[in-house]
Amino acid sequence: MNALSPKPSSPCTKLCILDAVTGLCEGCGRTRDEIALWGSLSEPQRRAVMATLEARLRAAYPARVPAPAAP
């Protein structure tokens, strides 16, 4: 990556624990494959994955992830 390229977006929270049951990282909600491929994904592909992460974490760990506030 050259000096003018923006840093790729990432949902990483530095809490990298892969749950054996759900297959998700408990910190960010990505799968092992998504984490491994992250650097080769385009920015639109990264954003598409990131758009699903909150719902994934909420479904996998309902007691830990609060529902979004109502408007």
PDB file of N, CA and C in Angstrom:
ATOM      1  N   MET A   1       0.848  -1.166   0.000  1.00  0.00           N
ATOM      2  CA  MET A   1       0.000   0.000   0.000  1.00  0.00           C
ATOM      3  C   MET A   1       0.894   1.229   0.000  1.00  0.00           C
ATOM      4  N   ASN A   2       0.606   2.194  -0.846  1.00  0.00           N
ATOM      5  CA  ASN A   2       1.462   3.377  -0.868  1.00  0.00           C
ATOM      6  C   ASN A   2       1.017   4.384   0.176  1.00  0.00           C
ATOM      7  N   ALA A   3       1.797   5.434   0.382  1.00  0.00           N
ATOM      8  CA  ALA A   3       1.538   6.408   1.433  1.00  0.00           C
ATOM      9  C   ALA A   3       0.237   7.170   1.219  1.00  0.00           C
ATOM     10  N   LEU A   4      -0.265   7.241   0.004  1.00  0.00           N
ATOM     11  CA  LEU A   4      -1.477   7.996  -0.267  1.00  0.00           C
ATOM     12  C   LEU A   4      -2.754   7.168  -0.128  1.00  0.00           C
ATOM     13  N   SER A   5      -2.626   5.858  -0.026  1.00  0.00           N
ATOM     14  CA  SER A   5      -3.797   5.000   0.097  1.00  0.00           C
ATOM     15  C   SER A   5      -4.370   5.091   1.504  1.00  0.00           C
ATOM     16  N   PRO A   6      -5.697   5.207   1.608  1.00  0.00           N
ATOM     17  CA  PRO A   6      -6.280   5.231   2.947  1.00  0.00           C
ATOM     18  C   PRO A   6      -6.174   3.856   3.592  1.00  0.00           C
ATOM     19  N   LYS A   7      -6.131   3.846   4.900  1.00  0.00           N
ATOM     20  CA  LYS A   7      -6.079   2.584   5.644  1.00  0.00           C
ATOM     21  C   LYS A   7      -7.399   1.840   5.409  1.00  0.00           C
ATOM     22  N   PRO A   8      -7.349   0.550   5.088  1.00  0.00           N
ATOM     23  CA  PRO A   8      -8.591  -0.194   4.861  1.00  0.00           C
ATOM     24  C   PRO A   8      -9.446  -0.211   6.120  1.00  0.00           C
ATOM     25  N   SER A   9     -10.738  -0.128   5.952  1.00  0.00           N
ATOM     26  CA  SER A   9     -11.622  -0.162   7.109  1.00  0.00           C
ATOM     27  C   SER A   9     -11.584  -1.551   7.730  1.00  0.00           C
ATOM     28  N   SER A  10     -11.793  -1.581   9.037  1.00  0.00           N
ATOM     29  CA  SER A  10     -11.770  -2.849   9.751  1.00  0.00           C
ATOM     30  C   SER A  10     -12.654  -2.745  10.983  1.00  0.00           C
ATOM     31  N   PRO A  11     -13.399  -3.795  11.278  1.00  0.00           N
ATOM     32  CA  PRO A  11     -14.215  -3.808  12.483  1.00  0.00           C
ATOM     33  C   PRO A  11     -13.471  -4.357  13.700  1.00  0.00           C
ATOM     34  N   CYS A  12     -12.196  -4.663  13.539  1.00  0.00           N
ATOM     35  CA  CYS A  12     -11.418  -5.304  14.598  1.00  0.00           C
ATOM     36  C   CYS A  12     -11.470  -4.477  15.883  1.00  0.00           C
ATOM     37  N   THR A  13     -11.750  -5.170  16.994  1.00  0.00           N
ATOM     38  CA  THR A  13     -11.796  -4.519  18.304  1.00  0.00           C
ATOM     39  C   THR A  13     -10.615  -4.944  19.176  1.00  0.00           C
ATOM     40  N   LYS A  14      -9.709  -5.723  18.606  1.00  0.00           N
ATOM     41  CA  LYS A  14      -8.543  -6.263  19.313  1.00  0.00           C
ATOM     42  C   LYS A  14      -8.950  -7.249  20.411  1.00  0.00           C
ATOM     43  N   LEU A  15     -10.168  -7.812  20.311  1.00  0.00           N
ATOM     44  CA  LEU A  15     -10.637  -8.871  21.190  1.00  0.00           C
ATOM     45  C   LEU A  15     -10.839 -10.079  20.290  1.00  0.00           C
ATOM     46  N   CYS A  16      -9.744 -10.745  19.964  1.00  0.00           N
ATOM     47  CA  CYS A  16      -9.758 -11.815  18.960  1.00  0.00           C
ATOM     48  C   CYS A  16      -9.923 -13.173  19.630  1.00  0.00           C
ATOM     49  N   ILE A  17     -11.185 -13.572  19.795  1.00  0.00           N
ATOM     50  CA  ILE A  17     -11.505 -14.874  20.363  1.00  0.00           C
ATOM     51  C   ILE A  17     -12.501 -15.533  19.422  1.00  0.00           C
ATOM     52  N   LEU A  18     -12.066 -16.605  18.763  1.00  0.00           N
ATOM     53  CA  LEU A  18     -12.966 -17.310  17.848  1.00  0.00           C
ATOM     54  C   LEU A  18     -13.785 -18.328  18.646  1.00  0.00           C
ATOM     55  N   ASP A  19     -15.084 -18.161  18.620  1.00  0.00           N
ATOM     56  CA  ASP A  19     -16.006 -19.030  19.335  1.00  0.00           C
ATOM     57  C   ASP A  19     -16.169 -20.329  18.559  1.00  0.00           C
ATOM     58  N   ALA A  20     -15.888 -21.446  19.188  1.00  0.00           N
ATOM     59  CA  ALA A  20     -15.964 -22.751  18.516  1.00  0.00           C
ATOM     60  C   ALA A  20     -17.394 -23.121  18.140  1.00  0.00           C
ATOM     61  N   VAL A  21     -18.368 -22.624  18.866  1.00  0.00           N
ATOM     62  CA  VAL A  21     -19.761 -22.958  18.594  1.00  0.00           C
ATOM     63  C   VAL A  21     -20.321 -22.130  17.442  1.00  0.00           C
ATOM     64  N   THR A  22     -20.155 -20.802  17.511  1.00  0.00           N
ATOM     65  CA  THR A  22     -20.734 -19.923  16.495  1.00  0.00           C
ATOM     66  C   THR A  22     -19.827 -19.752  15.281  1.00  0.00           C
ATOM     67  N   GLY A  23     -18.524 -19.947  15.476  1.00  0.00           N
ATOM     68  CA  GLY A  23     -17.573 -19.709  14.393  1.00  0.00           C
ATOM     69  C   GLY A  23     -17.255 -18.239  14.200  1.00  0.00           C
ATOM     70  N   LEU A  24     -17.719 -17.401  15.120  1.00  0.00           N
ATOM     71  CA  LEU A  24     -17.510 -15.956  15.003  1.00  0.00           C
ATOM     72  C   LEU A  24     -16.436 -15.471  15.963  1.00  0.00           C
ATOM     73  N   CYS A  25     -15.759 -14.406  15.564  1.00  0.00           N
ATOM     74  CA  CYS A  25     -14.878 -13.705  16.482  1.00  0.00           C
ATOM     75  C   CYS A  25     -15.780 -12.998  17.485  1.00  0.00           C
ATOM     76  N   GLU A  26     -15.543 -13.196  18.761  1.00  0.00           N
ATOM     77  CA  GLU A  26     -16.385 -12.582  19.784  1.00  0.00           C
ATOM     78  C   GLU A  26     -16.216 -11.073  19.840  1.00  0.00           C
ATOM     79  N   GLY A  27     -15.124 -10.555  19.301  1.00  0.00           N
ATOM     80  CA  GLY A  27     -14.906  -9.113  19.316  1.00  0.00           C
ATOM     81  C   GLY A  27     -15.584  -8.386  18.173  1.00  0.00           C
ATOM     82  N   CYS A  28     -15.418  -8.900  16.961  1.00  0.00           N
ATOM     83  CA  CYS A  28     -15.925  -8.165  15.799  1.00  0.00           C
ATOM     84  C   CYS A  28     -17.065  -8.846  15.063  1.00  0.00           C
ATOM     85  N   GLY A  29     -17.231 -10.152  15.254  1.00  0.00           N
ATOM     86  CA  GLY A  29     -18.320 -10.865  14.599  1.00  0.00           C
ATOM     87  C   GLY A  29     -17.980 -11.492  13.259  1.00  0.00           C
ATOM     88  N   ARG A  30     -16.737 -11.328  12.809  1.00  0.00           N
ATOM     89  CA  ARG A  30     -16.354 -11.947  11.531  1.00  0.00           C
ATOM     90  C   ARG A  30     -16.040 -13.419  11.727  1.00  0.00           C
ATOM     91  N   THR A  31     -16.143 -14.167  10.635  1.00  0.00           N
ATOM     92  CA  THR A  31     -15.750 -15.570  10.639  1.00  0.00           C
ATOM     93  C   THR A  31     -14.239 -15.660  10.428  1.00  0.00           C
ATOM     94  N   ARG A  32     -13.704 -16.838  10.679  1.00  0.00           N
ATOM     95  CA  ARG A  32     -12.267 -17.061  10.449  1.00  0.00           C
ATOM     96  C   ARG A  32     -11.907 -16.765   8.985  1.00  0.00           C
ATOM     97  N   ASP A  33     -12.741 -17.228   8.062  1.00  0.00           N
ATOM     98  CA  ASP A  33     -12.473 -16.992   6.636  1.00  0.00           C
ATOM     99  C   ASP A  33     -12.504 -15.505   6.293  1.00  0.00           C
ATOM    100  N   GLU A  34     -13.466 -14.788   6.840  1.00  0.00           N
ATOM    101  CA  GLU A  34     -13.533 -13.343   6.570  1.00  0.00           C
ATOM    102  C   GLU A  34     -12.303 -12.629   7.105  1.00  0.00           C
ATOM    103  N   ILE A  35     -11.861 -13.019   8.285  1.00  0.00           N
ATOM    104  CA  ILE A  35     -10.659 -12.412   8.863  1.00  0.00           C
ATOM    105  C   ILE A  35      -9.453 -12.699   7.966  1.00  0.00           C
ATOM    106  N   ALA A  36      -9.323 -13.937   7.526  1.00  0.00           N
ATOM    107  CA  ALA A  36      -8.185 -14.333   6.691  1.00  0.00           C
ATOM    108  C   ALA A  36      -8.178 -13.609   5.353  1.00  0.00           C
ATOM    109  N   LEU A  37      -9.360 -13.389   4.785  1.00  0.00           N
ATOM    110  CA  LEU A  37      -9.459 -12.753   3.468  1.00  0.00           C
ATOM    111  C   LEU A  37      -9.550 -11.235   3.523  1.00  0.00           C
ATOM    112  N   TRP A  38      -9.660 -10.656   4.698  1.00  0.00           N
ATOM    113  CA  TRP A  38      -9.958  -9.236   4.849  1.00  0.00           C
ATOM    114  C   TRP A  38      -9.051  -8.334   4.007  1.00  0.00           C
ATOM    115  N   GLY A  39      -7.779  -8.594   4.021  1.00  0.00           N
ATOM    116  CA  GLY A  39      -6.835  -7.757   3.279  1.00  0.00           C
ATOM    117  C   GLY A  39      -7.007  -7.821   1.775  1.00  0.00           C
ATOM    118  N   SER A  40      -7.612  -8.882   1.263  1.00  0.00           N
ATOM    119  CA  SER A  40      -7.790  -9.012  -0.179  1.00  0.00           C
ATOM    120  C   SER A  40      -9.174  -8.556  -0.643  1.00  0.00           C
ATOM    121  N   LEU A  41     -10.061  -8.202   0.304  1.00  0.00           N
ATOM    122  CA  LEU A  41     -11.385  -7.723  -0.075  1.00  0.00           C
ATOM    123  C   LEU A  41     -11.328  -6.268  -0.516  1.00  0.00           C
ATOM    124  N   SER A  42     -12.216  -5.901  -1.406  1.00  0.00           N
ATOM    125  CA  SER A  42     -12.318  -4.493  -1.803  1.00  0.00           C
ATOM    126  C   SER A  42     -13.025  -3.734  -0.684  1.00  0.00           C
ATOM    127  N   GLU A  43     -12.917  -2.430  -0.702  1.00  0.00           N
ATOM    128  CA  GLU A  43     -13.581  -1.622   0.319  1.00  0.00           C
ATOM    129  C   GLU A  43     -15.102  -1.851   0.303  1.00  0.00           C
ATOM    130  N   PRO A  44     -15.762  -1.909  -0.868  1.00  0.00           N
ATOM    131  CA  PRO A  44     -17.202  -2.200  -0.850  1.00  0.00           C
ATOM    132  C   PRO A  44     -17.520  -3.572  -0.248  1.00  0.00           C
ATOM    133  N   GLN A  45     -16.680  -4.563  -0.491  1.00  0.00           N
ATOM    134  CA  GLN A  45     -16.890  -5.885   0.095  1.00  0.00           C
ATOM    135  C   GLN A  45     -16.731  -5.827   1.618  1.00  0.00           C
ATOM    136  N   ARG A  46     -15.728  -5.086   2.092  1.00  0.00           N
ATOM    137  CA  ARG A  46     -15.521  -4.943   3.537  1.00  0.00           C
ATOM    138  C   ARG A  46     -16.732  -4.274   4.177  1.00  0.00           C
ATOM    139  N   ARG A  47     -17.206  -3.213   3.555  1.00  0.00           N
ATOM    140  CA  ARG A  47     -18.355  -2.490   4.106  1.00  0.00           C
ATOM    141  C   ARG A  47     -19.613  -3.356   4.120  1.00  0.00           C
ATOM    142  N   ALA A  48     -19.763  -4.206   3.115  1.00  0.00           N
ATOM    143  CA  ALA A  48     -20.919  -5.108   3.071  1.00  0.00           C
ATOM    144  C   ALA A  48     -20.860  -6.094   4.235  1.00  0.00           C
ATOM    145  N   VAL A  49     -19.686  -6.639   4.511  1.00  0.00           N
ATOM    146  CA  VAL A  49     -19.534  -7.551   5.643  1.00  0.00           C
ATOM    147  C   VAL A  49     -19.778  -6.790   6.945  1.00  0.00           C
ATOM    148  N   MET A  50     -19.189  -5.609   7.074  1.00  0.00           N
ATOM    149  CA  MET A  50     -19.326  -4.838   8.310  1.00  0.00           C
ATOM    150  C   MET A  50     -20.783  -4.484   8.595  1.00  0.00           C
ATOM    151  N   ALA A  51     -21.573  -4.319   7.553  1.00  0.00           N
ATOM    152  CA  ALA A  51     -22.989  -3.989   7.738  1.00  0.00           C
ATOM    153  C   ALA A  51     -23.768  -5.126   8.394  1.00  0.00           C
ATOM    154  N   THR A  52     -23.231  -6.338   8.369  1.00  0.00           N
ATOM    155  CA  THR A  52     -23.925  -7.500   8.948  1.00  0.00           C
ATOM    156  C   THR A  52     -23.450  -7.848  10.354  1.00  0.00           C
ATOM    157  N   LEU A  53     -22.361  -7.260  10.800  1.00  0.00           N
ATOM    158  CA  LEU A  53     -21.715  -7.733  12.021  1.00  0.00           C
ATOM    159  C   LEU A  53     -22.520  -7.492  13.290  1.00  0.00           C
ATOM    160  N   GLU A  54     -23.119  -6.333  13.432  1.00  0.00           N
ATOM    161  CA  GLU A  54     -23.884  -6.055  14.657  1.00  0.00           C
ATOM    162  C   GLU A  54     -25.025  -7.060  14.811  1.00  0.00           C
ATOM    163  N   ALA A  55     -25.742  -7.322  13.728  1.00  0.00           N
ATOM    164  CA  ALA A  55     -26.847  -8.282  13.788  1.00  0.00           C
ATOM    165  C   ALA A  55     -26.330  -9.691  14.084  1.00  0.00           C
ATOM    166  N   ARG A  56     -25.192 -10.068  13.521  1.00  0.00           N
ATOM    167  CA  ARG A  56     -24.603 -11.386  13.800  1.00  0.00           C
ATOM    168  C   ARG A  56     -24.289 -11.539  15.270  1.00  0.00           C
ATOM    169  N   LEU A  57     -23.622 -10.507  15.820  1.00  0.00           N
ATOM    170  CA  LEU A  57     -23.247 -10.577  17.228  1.00  0.00           C
ATOM    171  C   LEU A  57     -24.480 -10.593  18.116  1.00  0.00           C
ATOM    172  N   ARG A  58     -25.492  -9.810  17.773  1.00  0.00           N
ATOM    173  CA  ARG A  58     -26.723  -9.778  18.555  1.00  0.00           C
ATOM    174  C   ARG A  58     -27.405 -11.145  18.530  1.00  0.00           C
ATOM    175  N   ALA A  59     -27.428 -11.792  17.369  1.00  0.00           N
ATOM    176  CA  ALA A  59     -28.053 -13.113  17.253  1.00  0.00           C
ATOM    177  C   ALA A  59     -27.251 -14.178  18.004  1.00  0.00           C
ATOM    178  N   ALA A  60     -25.932 -14.096  17.937  1.00  0.00           N
ATOM    179  CA  ALA A  60     -25.081 -15.106  18.573  1.00  0.00           C
ATOM    180  C   ALA A  60     -24.986 -14.926  20.088  1.00  0.00           C
ATOM    181  N   TYR A  61     -25.005 -13.672  20.533  1.00  0.00           N
ATOM    182  CA  TYR A  61     -24.809 -13.361  21.950  1.00  0.00           C
ATOM    183  C   TYR A  61     -25.842 -12.337  22.409  1.00  0.00           C
ATOM    184  N   PRO A  62     -27.113 -12.696  22.435  1.00  0.00           N
ATOM    185  CA  PRO A  62     -28.163 -11.721  22.735  1.00  0.00           C
ATOM    186  C   PRO A  62     -28.024 -11.035  24.098  1.00  0.00           C
ATOM    187  N   ALA A  63     -27.471 -11.703  25.056  1.00  0.00           N
ATOM    188  CA  ALA A  63     -27.320 -11.104  26.377  1.00  0.00           C
ATOM    189  C   ALA A  63     -26.196 -10.066  26.437  1.00  0.00           C
ATOM    190  N   ARG A  64     -25.268 -10.140  25.494  1.00  0.00           N
ATOM    191  CA  ARG A  64     -24.107  -9.233  25.518  1.00  0.00           C
ATOM    192  C   ARG A  64     -24.260  -8.018  24.625  1.00  0.00           C
ATOM    193  N   VAL A  65     -25.028  -8.126  23.554  1.00  0.00           N
ATOM    194  CA  VAL A  65     -25.110  -7.036  22.578  1.00  0.00           C
ATOM    195  C   VAL A  65     -26.484  -6.386  22.689  1.00  0.00           C
ATOM    196  N   PRO A  66     -26.536  -5.135  23.142  1.00  0.00           N
ATOM    197  CA  PRO A  66     -27.839  -4.479  23.279  1.00  0.00           C
ATOM    198  C   PRO A  66     -28.477  -4.204  21.925  1.00  0.00           C
ATOM    199  N   ALA A  67     -29.790  -4.231  21.913  1.00  0.00           N
ATOM    200  CA  ALA A  67     -30.523  -3.886  20.681  1.00  0.00           C
ATOM    201  C   ALA A  67     -30.336  -2.409  20.403  1.00  0.00           C
ATOM    202  N   PRO A  68     -30.382  -2.007  19.122  1.00  0.00           N
ATOM    203  CA  PRO A  68     -30.236  -0.592  18.800  1.00  0.00           C
ATOM    204  C   PRO A  68     -31.386   0.223  19.395  1.00  0.00           C
ATOM    205  N   ALA A  69     -31.104   1.468  19.730  1.00  0.00           N
ATOM    206  CA  ALA A  69     -32.110   2.353  20.306  1.00  0.00           C
ATOM    207  C   ALA A  69     -33.183   2.679  19.253  1.00  0.00           C
ATOM    208  N   ALA A  70     -34.399   2.781  19.711  1.00  0.00           N
ATOM    209  CA  ALA A  70     -35.505   3.134  18.809  1.00  0.00           C
ATOM    210  C   ALA A  70     -35.403   4.615  18.440  1.00  0.00           C
ATOM    211  N   PRO A  71     -35.771   4.967  17.214  1.00  0.00           N
ATOM    212  CA  PRO A  71     -35.660   6.383  16.802  1.00  0.00           C
ATOM    213  C   PRO A  71     -36.679   7.266  17.466  1.00  0.00           C
TER     214      PRO A  71
END
